[in-house]
Amino acid sequence: MTSINYTINIKSKRKIYGIIGALITLMVPFFLIFFNQHSHLETAQSLCPLKMLTGFPCPGCGITKSLVYFYDGDLQKSLYYHVLGPFVILFCLATIGVLSTELITKKEYFNGLLFNKKLAYGLAIFLATYHFVRIIYFINNNSIDDILRQSIWR
């Protein structure tokens, strides 16, 4: 019996960690807005390790800026920084709702959907294609000097 209880406790902890992670993801842009740090988001150095080393954005670069501008009500600018920004908000809200429901009812929902290989491959192909298009757009709109200026190698 202890192994079953241990498994249940691990699953409950993971769900709690998932809820906490989703809440943090939703709260960081609020703190940037509240402390008026979003006014210089466009000019500040990125904290992305890949962008700091290479000057090129990673697939997730721009998500925080996208969330900040979405909270500000500027959907066009939000989608400009990352097309998946508004979907991150919806995903986090859905995650909080589903995981909270699972903790309360002690049942699992959407496992077939969450662990679906076709969905995972489809999302990976979409993200890779989107990132490839972003890199081409980035290279076309920035000179080598601009790219180096965005890295730590200025």
N, C-alpha and C. Protein backbone atom coordinates (compact mmCIF):
# COMPACT_ATOMS: atom_id res chain seq x y z
N MET A 1 0.80 -1.20 0.00
CA MET A 1 0.00 0.00 0.00
C MET A 1 0.85 1.27 0.00
N THR A 2 2.01 1.20 0.60
CA THR A 2 2.81 2.42 0.68
C THR A 2 3.30 2.86 -0.70
N SER A 3 3.51 1.91 -1.60
CA SER A 3 3.97 2.31 -2.93
C SER A 3 2.88 3.06 -3.70
N ILE A 4 1.63 2.68 -3.48
CA ILE A 4 0.53 3.39 -4.14
C ILE A 4 0.42 4.80 -3.57
N ASN A 5 0.48 4.93 -2.25
CA ASN A 5 0.42 6.25 -1.63
C ASN A 5 1.59 7.11 -2.05
N TYR A 6 2.76 6.51 -2.18
CA TYR A 6 3.94 7.24 -2.61
C TYR A 6 3.77 7.77 -4.03
N THR A 7 3.21 6.92 -4.92
CA THR A 7 2.95 7.34 -6.30
C THR A 7 1.93 8.47 -6.34
N ILE A 8 0.90 8.37 -5.53
CA ILE A 8 -0.12 9.42 -5.49
C ILE A 8 0.50 10.72 -4.99
N ASN A 9 1.35 10.65 -3.97
CA ASN A 9 1.98 11.86 -3.45
C ASN A 9 2.89 12.50 -4.48
N ILE A 10 3.63 11.71 -5.26
CA ILE A 10 4.49 12.27 -6.31
C ILE A 10 3.64 12.96 -7.37
N LYS A 11 2.53 12.32 -7.77
CA LYS A 11 1.66 12.93 -8.77
C LYS A 11 1.05 14.23 -8.23
N SER A 12 0.66 14.23 -6.97
CA SER A 12 0.09 15.44 -6.38
C SER A 12 1.12 16.55 -6.33
N LYS A 13 2.35 16.22 -5.95
CA LYS A 13 3.41 17.23 -5.92
C LYS A 13 3.67 17.79 -7.31
N ARG A 14 3.70 16.94 -8.30
CA ARG A 14 3.93 17.41 -9.68
C ARG A 14 2.81 18.34 -10.12
N LYS A 15 1.59 18.03 -9.76
CA LYS A 15 0.47 18.89 -10.12
C LYS A 15 0.59 20.24 -9.41
N ILE A 16 0.98 20.22 -8.16
CA ILE A 16 1.16 21.48 -7.42
C ILE A 16 2.29 22.29 -8.04
N TYR A 17 3.38 21.63 -8.41
CA TYR A 17 4.49 22.33 -9.09
C TYR A 17 4.02 22.90 -10.42
N GLY A 18 3.18 22.17 -11.13
CA GLY A 18 2.64 22.67 -12.40
C GLY A 18 1.80 23.91 -12.20
N ILE A 19 0.97 23.90 -11.18
CA ILE A 19 0.14 25.07 -10.87
C ILE A 19 1.02 26.26 -10.49
N ILE A 20 2.03 26.02 -9.66
CA ILE A 20 2.94 27.10 -9.26
C ILE A 20 3.68 27.66 -10.47
N GLY A 21 4.15 26.78 -11.35
CA GLY A 21 4.85 27.24 -12.55
C GLY A 21 3.96 28.07 -13.46
N ALA A 22 2.72 27.65 -13.62
CA ALA A 22 1.78 28.42 -14.44
C ALA A 22 1.48 29.77 -13.81
N LEU A 23 1.33 29.80 -12.49
CA LEU A 23 1.09 31.08 -11.80
C LEU A 23 2.28 32.03 -11.94
N ILE A 24 3.49 31.49 -11.80
CA ILE A 24 4.68 32.33 -11.96
C ILE A 24 4.76 32.88 -13.37
N THR A 25 4.46 32.03 -14.36
CA THR A 25 4.49 32.48 -15.76
C THR A 25 3.50 33.61 -15.98
N LEU A 26 2.34 33.53 -15.36
CA LEU A 26 1.34 34.59 -15.51
C LEU A 26 1.67 35.84 -14.70
N MET A 27 2.41 35.70 -13.60
CA MET A 27 2.67 36.83 -12.71
C MET A 27 3.89 37.67 -13.10
N VAL A 28 4.89 37.08 -13.72
CA VAL A 28 6.11 37.84 -14.06
C VAL A 28 5.79 39.08 -14.89
N PRO A 29 4.98 38.98 -15.95
CA PRO A 29 4.66 40.21 -16.70
C PRO A 29 3.93 41.26 -15.86
N PHE A 30 3.08 40.83 -14.92
CA PHE A 30 2.42 41.79 -14.03
C PHE A 30 3.43 42.55 -13.19
N PHE A 31 4.45 41.85 -12.68
CA PHE A 31 5.48 42.52 -11.90
C PHE A 31 6.27 43.51 -12.75
N LEU A 32 6.54 43.15 -14.00
CA LEU A 32 7.24 44.08 -14.89
C LEU A 32 6.41 45.33 -15.13
N ILE A 33 5.11 45.16 -15.29
CA ILE A 33 4.23 46.31 -15.49
C ILE A 33 4.11 47.11 -14.19
N PHE A 34 3.93 46.42 -13.07
CA PHE A 34 3.72 47.09 -11.78
C PHE A 34 4.93 47.93 -11.38
N PHE A 35 6.13 47.41 -11.58
CA PHE A 35 7.35 48.14 -11.22
C PHE A 35 7.87 49.01 -12.37
N ASN A 36 7.03 49.18 -13.40
CA ASN A 36 7.32 50.04 -14.55
C ASN A 36 8.63 49.65 -15.25
N GLN A 37 8.90 48.37 -15.29
CA GLN A 37 10.09 47.89 -15.99
C GLN A 37 9.80 47.57 -17.45
N HIS A 38 8.55 47.63 -17.85
CA HIS A 38 8.21 47.28 -19.24
C HIS A 38 8.45 48.43 -20.21
N SER A 39 8.74 49.61 -19.69
CA SER A 39 8.93 50.76 -20.57
C SER A 39 10.21 50.65 -21.40
N HIS A 40 11.21 49.94 -20.90
CA HIS A 40 12.45 49.79 -21.65
C HIS A 40 12.69 48.35 -22.10
N LEU A 41 11.61 47.57 -22.26
CA LEU A 41 11.75 46.18 -22.72
C LEU A 41 12.36 46.10 -24.12
N GLU A 42 12.03 47.07 -24.96
CA GLU A 42 12.50 47.01 -26.35
C GLU A 42 13.98 47.35 -26.47
N THR A 43 14.53 48.07 -25.52
CA THR A 43 15.93 48.48 -25.63
C THR A 43 16.85 47.72 -24.70
N ALA A 44 16.32 47.03 -23.70
CA ALA A 44 17.15 46.34 -22.71
C ALA A 44 17.77 45.07 -23.29
N GLN A 45 18.92 44.68 -22.75
CA GLN A 45 19.59 43.45 -23.15
C GLN A 45 18.72 42.25 -22.76
N SER A 46 18.59 41.31 -23.67
CA SER A 46 17.84 40.10 -23.40
C SER A 46 18.58 39.24 -22.38
N LEU A 47 17.83 38.53 -21.55
CA LEU A 47 18.43 37.63 -20.57
C LEU A 47 18.52 36.19 -21.09
N CYS A 48 18.16 35.98 -22.34
CA CYS A 48 18.23 34.65 -22.95
C CYS A 48 19.69 34.27 -23.17
N PRO A 49 20.14 33.14 -22.63
CA PRO A 49 21.55 32.75 -22.78
C PRO A 49 21.96 32.56 -24.24
N LEU A 50 21.08 32.00 -25.07
CA LEU A 50 21.42 31.81 -26.48
C LEU A 50 21.58 33.15 -27.19
N LYS A 51 20.68 34.07 -26.92
CA LYS A 51 20.78 35.38 -27.57
C LYS A 51 21.99 36.15 -27.06
N MET A 52 22.32 35.99 -25.79
CA MET A 52 23.50 36.67 -25.25
C MET A 52 24.78 36.14 -25.88
N LEU A 53 24.83 34.85 -26.17
CA LEU A 53 26.03 34.26 -26.76
C LEU A 53 26.12 34.48 -28.26
N THR A 54 25.00 34.32 -28.97
CA THR A 54 25.05 34.35 -30.43
C THR A 54 24.50 35.62 -31.04
N GLY A 55 23.62 36.30 -30.34
CA GLY A 55 22.94 37.46 -30.90
C GLY A 55 21.66 37.08 -31.63
N PHE A 56 21.43 35.77 -31.80
CA PHE A 56 20.23 35.29 -32.47
C PHE A 56 19.20 34.83 -31.43
N PRO A 57 17.92 35.08 -31.69
CA PRO A 57 16.90 34.68 -30.72
C PRO A 57 16.69 33.17 -30.71
N CYS A 58 16.31 32.66 -29.53
CA CYS A 58 15.96 31.24 -29.41
C CYS A 58 14.46 31.10 -29.73
N PRO A 59 13.94 29.89 -29.82
CA PRO A 59 12.51 29.73 -30.13
C PRO A 59 11.57 30.38 -29.11
N GLY A 60 12.02 30.56 -27.87
CA GLY A 60 11.17 31.16 -26.85
C GLY A 60 11.39 32.64 -26.64
N CYS A 61 12.37 33.22 -27.33
CA CYS A 61 12.64 34.64 -27.16
C CYS A 61 11.42 35.47 -27.54
N GLY A 62 11.09 36.40 -26.67
CA GLY A 62 9.98 37.31 -26.94
C GLY A 62 8.69 36.93 -26.23
N ILE A 63 8.66 35.77 -25.58
CA ILE A 63 7.42 35.36 -24.90
C ILE A 63 7.06 36.33 -23.78
N THR A 64 8.03 36.71 -22.96
CA THR A 64 7.74 37.63 -21.85
C THR A 64 7.27 38.98 -22.38
N LYS A 65 7.95 39.50 -23.40
CA LYS A 65 7.51 40.77 -23.99
C LYS A 65 6.10 40.62 -24.57
N SER A 66 5.84 39.49 -25.19
CA SER A 66 4.52 39.24 -25.74
C SER A 66 3.45 39.25 -24.65
N LEU A 67 3.75 38.63 -23.51
CA LEU A 67 2.79 38.61 -22.41
C LEU A 67 2.58 40.01 -21.83
N VAL A 68 3.66 40.77 -21.69
CA VAL A 68 3.54 42.13 -21.16
C VAL A 68 2.65 42.98 -22.05
N TYR A 69 2.89 42.94 -23.36
CA TYR A 69 2.08 43.75 -24.27
C TYR A 69 0.65 43.23 -24.38
N PHE A 70 0.46 41.93 -24.19
CA PHE A 70 -0.90 41.39 -24.16
C PHE A 70 -1.65 41.93 -22.94
N TYR A 71 -0.98 41.96 -21.77
CA TYR A 71 -1.60 42.51 -20.57
C TYR A 71 -1.87 44.00 -20.72
N ASP A 72 -1.02 44.69 -21.48
CA ASP A 72 -1.24 46.11 -21.74
C ASP A 72 -2.39 46.35 -22.72
N GLY A 73 -2.86 45.29 -23.37
CA GLY A 73 -3.96 45.41 -24.32
C GLY A 73 -3.52 45.63 -25.75
N ASP A 74 -2.23 45.51 -26.04
CA ASP A 74 -1.71 45.71 -27.38
C ASP A 74 -1.48 44.35 -28.04
N LEU A 75 -2.54 43.79 -28.62
CA LEU A 75 -2.48 42.45 -29.21
C LEU A 75 -1.53 42.40 -30.40
N GLN A 76 -1.50 43.46 -31.20
CA GLN A 76 -0.63 43.47 -32.37
C GLN A 76 0.85 43.39 -31.96
N LYS A 77 1.24 44.17 -30.97
CA LYS A 77 2.63 44.14 -30.50
C LYS A 77 2.92 42.81 -29.80
N SER A 78 1.93 42.28 -29.10
CA SER A 78 2.09 40.99 -28.45
C SER A 78 2.38 39.90 -29.48
N LEU A 79 1.63 39.87 -30.54
CA LEU A 79 1.85 38.87 -31.59
C LEU A 79 3.14 39.13 -32.36
N TYR A 80 3.58 40.39 -32.43
CA TYR A 80 4.83 40.72 -33.10
C TYR A 80 6.01 40.09 -32.37
N TYR A 81 6.00 40.18 -31.04
CA TYR A 81 7.13 39.65 -30.27
C TYR A 81 7.14 38.13 -30.24
N HIS A 82 6.00 37.50 -30.15
CA HIS A 82 5.92 36.04 -30.26
C HIS A 82 4.47 35.66 -30.48
N VAL A 83 4.23 34.93 -31.54
CA VAL A 83 2.86 34.58 -31.91
C VAL A 83 2.21 33.66 -30.88
N LEU A 84 3.00 32.96 -30.09
CA LEU A 84 2.44 32.04 -29.11
C LEU A 84 2.21 32.68 -27.74
N GLY A 85 2.52 33.96 -27.58
CA GLY A 85 2.35 34.63 -26.30
C GLY A 85 0.94 34.54 -25.75
N PRO A 86 -0.08 34.96 -26.52
CA PRO A 86 -1.45 34.84 -26.00
C PRO A 86 -1.86 33.39 -25.72
N PHE A 87 -1.32 32.45 -26.48
CA PHE A 87 -1.65 31.04 -26.25
C PHE A 87 -0.99 30.53 -24.97
N VAL A 88 0.13 31.11 -24.59
CA VAL A 88 0.77 30.74 -23.32
C VAL A 88 -0.16 31.11 -22.17
N ILE A 89 -0.80 32.26 -22.26
CA ILE A 89 -1.74 32.68 -21.21
C ILE A 89 -2.90 31.69 -21.13
N LEU A 90 -3.47 31.35 -22.29
CA LEU A 90 -4.58 30.39 -22.29
C LEU A 90 -4.13 29.03 -21.76
N PHE A 91 -2.94 28.60 -22.15
CA PHE A 91 -2.43 27.30 -21.69
C PHE A 91 -2.22 27.31 -20.18
N CYS A 92 -1.65 28.40 -19.66
CA CYS A 92 -1.43 28.49 -18.20
C CYS A 92 -2.75 28.48 -17.44
N LEU A 93 -3.74 29.21 -17.93
CA LEU A 93 -5.04 29.22 -17.27
C LEU A 93 -5.69 27.85 -17.32
N ALA A 94 -5.60 27.18 -18.46
CA ALA A 94 -6.15 25.82 -18.59
C ALA A 94 -5.41 24.85 -17.68
N THR A 95 -4.08 25.01 -17.60
CA THR A 95 -3.28 24.14 -16.73
C THR A 95 -3.69 24.30 -15.28
N ILE A 96 -3.85 25.54 -14.84
CA ILE A 96 -4.27 25.78 -13.46
C ILE A 96 -5.63 25.16 -13.20
N GLY A 97 -6.55 25.35 -14.13
CA GLY A 97 -7.89 24.79 -13.96
C GLY A 97 -7.91 23.27 -13.94
N VAL A 98 -7.24 22.65 -14.90
CA VAL A 98 -7.26 21.18 -14.98
C VAL A 98 -6.52 20.56 -13.81
N LEU A 99 -5.32 21.06 -13.49
CA LEU A 99 -4.56 20.47 -12.39
C LEU A 99 -5.24 20.68 -11.04
N SER A 100 -5.88 21.82 -10.85
CA SER A 100 -6.63 22.05 -9.61
C SER A 100 -7.80 21.08 -9.52
N THR A 101 -8.50 20.89 -10.62
CA THR A 101 -9.62 19.94 -10.65
C THR A 101 -9.14 18.52 -10.38
N GLU A 102 -7.99 18.17 -10.97
CA GLU A 102 -7.45 16.83 -10.73
C GLU A 102 -7.06 16.63 -9.27
N LEU A 103 -6.50 17.65 -8.64
CA LEU A 103 -6.15 17.54 -7.22
C LEU A 103 -7.39 17.38 -6.35
N ILE A 104 -8.45 18.10 -6.68
CA ILE A 104 -9.67 18.05 -5.88
C ILE A 104 -10.41 16.73 -6.09
N THR A 105 -10.59 16.31 -7.34
CA THR A 105 -11.37 15.11 -7.64
C THR A 105 -10.56 13.82 -7.58
N LYS A 106 -9.23 13.95 -7.55
CA LYS A 106 -8.33 12.81 -7.54
C LYS A 106 -8.53 11.91 -8.77
N LYS A 107 -8.90 12.54 -9.88
CA LYS A 107 -9.01 11.86 -11.18
C LYS A 107 -8.08 12.56 -12.15
N GLU A 108 -7.73 11.87 -13.21
CA GLU A 108 -6.84 12.45 -14.22
C GLU A 108 -7.63 12.72 -15.50
N TYR A 109 -7.49 13.92 -16.02
CA TYR A 109 -8.17 14.32 -17.24
C TYR A 109 -7.12 14.65 -18.30
N PHE A 110 -7.45 14.48 -19.53
CA PHE A 110 -6.64 14.90 -20.68
C PHE A 110 -5.29 14.20 -20.79
N ASN A 111 -5.08 13.07 -20.09
CA ASN A 111 -3.80 12.37 -20.22
C ASN A 111 -3.60 11.88 -21.65
N GLY A 112 -4.66 11.42 -22.29
CA GLY A 112 -4.55 10.98 -23.68
C GLY A 112 -4.15 12.11 -24.61
N LEU A 113 -4.60 13.30 -24.31
CA LEU A 113 -4.25 14.46 -25.13
C LEU A 113 -2.86 14.98 -24.81
N LEU A 114 -2.52 15.05 -23.53
CA LEU A 114 -1.23 15.60 -23.13
C LEU A 114 -0.06 14.71 -23.53
N PHE A 115 -0.27 13.42 -23.56
CA PHE A 115 0.81 12.49 -23.90
C PHE A 115 0.63 11.92 -25.30
N ASN A 116 0.04 12.71 -26.19
CA ASN A 116 -0.21 12.31 -27.57
C ASN A 116 1.01 12.64 -28.42
N LYS A 117 1.61 11.63 -29.04
CA LYS A 117 2.82 11.85 -29.85
C LYS A 117 2.53 12.69 -31.09
N LYS A 118 1.38 12.49 -31.72
CA LYS A 118 1.04 13.27 -32.91
C LYS A 118 0.94 14.76 -32.58
N LEU A 119 0.32 15.06 -31.46
CA LEU A 119 0.21 16.46 -31.03
C LEU A 119 1.58 17.03 -30.73
N ALA A 120 2.42 16.26 -30.05
CA ALA A 120 3.77 16.73 -29.70
C ALA A 120 4.59 16.99 -30.97
N TYR A 121 4.54 16.07 -31.92
CA TYR A 121 5.28 16.26 -33.18
C TYR A 121 4.73 17.45 -33.96
N GLY A 122 3.41 17.59 -33.97
CA GLY A 122 2.80 18.73 -34.67
C GLY A 122 3.23 20.06 -34.08
N LEU A 123 3.23 20.15 -32.74
CA LEU A 123 3.66 21.38 -32.08
C LEU A 123 5.15 21.64 -32.32
N ALA A 124 5.95 20.58 -32.30
CA ALA A 124 7.39 20.74 -32.55
C ALA A 124 7.64 21.22 -33.97
N ILE A 125 6.93 20.68 -34.94
CA ILE A 125 7.10 21.11 -36.33
C ILE A 125 6.65 22.56 -36.48
N PHE A 126 5.53 22.93 -35.85
CA PHE A 126 5.07 24.31 -35.92
C PHE A 126 6.09 25.26 -35.31
N LEU A 127 6.61 24.93 -34.12
CA LEU A 127 7.57 25.80 -33.46
C LEU A 127 8.87 25.90 -34.25
N ALA A 128 9.33 24.79 -34.83
CA ALA A 128 10.56 24.82 -35.63
C ALA A 128 10.36 25.68 -36.88
N THR A 129 9.23 25.53 -37.53
CA THR A 129 8.94 26.33 -38.73
C THR A 129 8.83 27.80 -38.38
N TYR A 130 8.10 28.10 -37.31
CA TYR A 130 7.95 29.48 -36.87
C TYR A 130 9.32 30.09 -36.52
N HIS A 131 10.15 29.33 -35.83
CA HIS A 131 11.47 29.83 -35.46
C HIS A 131 12.34 30.04 -36.70
N PHE A 132 12.27 29.15 -37.66
CA PHE A 132 13.03 29.30 -38.90
C PHE A 132 12.63 30.58 -39.62
N VAL A 133 11.34 30.84 -39.70
CA VAL A 133 10.85 32.07 -40.34
C VAL A 133 11.31 33.29 -39.55
N ARG A 134 11.27 33.22 -38.22
CA ARG A 134 11.74 34.34 -37.39
C ARG A 134 13.22 34.62 -37.60
N ILE A 135 14.03 33.56 -37.71
CA ILE A 135 15.47 33.74 -37.92
C ILE A 135 15.72 34.40 -39.27
N ILE A 136 15.02 33.96 -40.31
CA ILE A 136 15.19 34.58 -41.63
C ILE A 136 14.79 36.06 -41.57
N TYR A 137 13.66 36.34 -40.94
CA TYR A 137 13.21 37.72 -40.78
C TYR A 137 14.22 38.53 -39.98
N PHE A 138 14.77 37.95 -38.92
CA PHE A 138 15.75 38.61 -38.06
C PHE A 138 17.02 38.94 -38.84
N ILE A 139 17.50 38.00 -39.64
CA ILE A 139 18.72 38.22 -40.43
C ILE A 139 18.49 39.28 -41.49
N ASN A 140 17.32 39.27 -42.11
CA ASN A 140 17.01 40.28 -43.14
C ASN A 140 16.90 41.68 -42.56
N ASN A 141 16.49 41.82 -41.31
CA ASN A 141 16.26 43.14 -40.72
C ASN A 141 17.40 43.63 -39.84
N ASN A 142 18.45 42.83 -39.65
CA ASN A 142 19.56 43.23 -38.80
C ASN A 142 20.89 42.98 -39.51
N SER A 143 21.78 43.94 -39.36
CA SER A 143 23.13 43.76 -39.91
C SER A 143 23.95 42.92 -38.94
N ILE A 144 25.11 42.49 -39.38
CA ILE A 144 26.00 41.72 -38.50
C ILE A 144 26.37 42.53 -37.27
N ASP A 145 26.58 43.83 -37.44
CA ASP A 145 26.91 44.68 -36.30
C ASP A 145 25.75 44.73 -35.29
N ASP A 146 24.51 44.81 -35.80
CA ASP A 146 23.35 44.81 -34.91
C ASP A 146 23.24 43.49 -34.15
N ILE A 147 23.49 42.40 -34.85
CA ILE A 147 23.40 41.08 -34.22
C ILE A 147 24.46 40.95 -33.14
N LEU A 148 25.67 41.39 -33.42
CA LEU A 148 26.74 41.33 -32.42
C LEU A 148 26.46 42.25 -31.24
N ARG A 149 25.83 43.39 -31.50
CA ARG A 149 25.48 44.34 -30.44
C ARG A 149 24.44 43.73 -29.49
N GLN A 150 23.62 42.82 -30.00
CA GLN A 150 22.62 42.18 -29.16
C GLN A 150 23.19 41.01 -28.36
N SER A 151 24.44 40.69 -28.62
CA SER A 151 25.10 39.63 -27.86
C SER A 151 26.05 40.23 -26.85
N ILE A 152 26.74 39.38 -26.12
CA ILE A 152 27.72 39.88 -25.15
C ILE A 152 29.04 40.24 -25.81
N TRP A 153 29.16 40.00 -27.09
CA TRP A 153 30.42 40.23 -27.82
C TRP A 153 30.49 41.62 -28.42
N ARG A 154 29.73 42.57 -27.94
CA ARG A 154 29.66 43.90 -28.52
C ARG A 154 31.02 44.41 -28.75
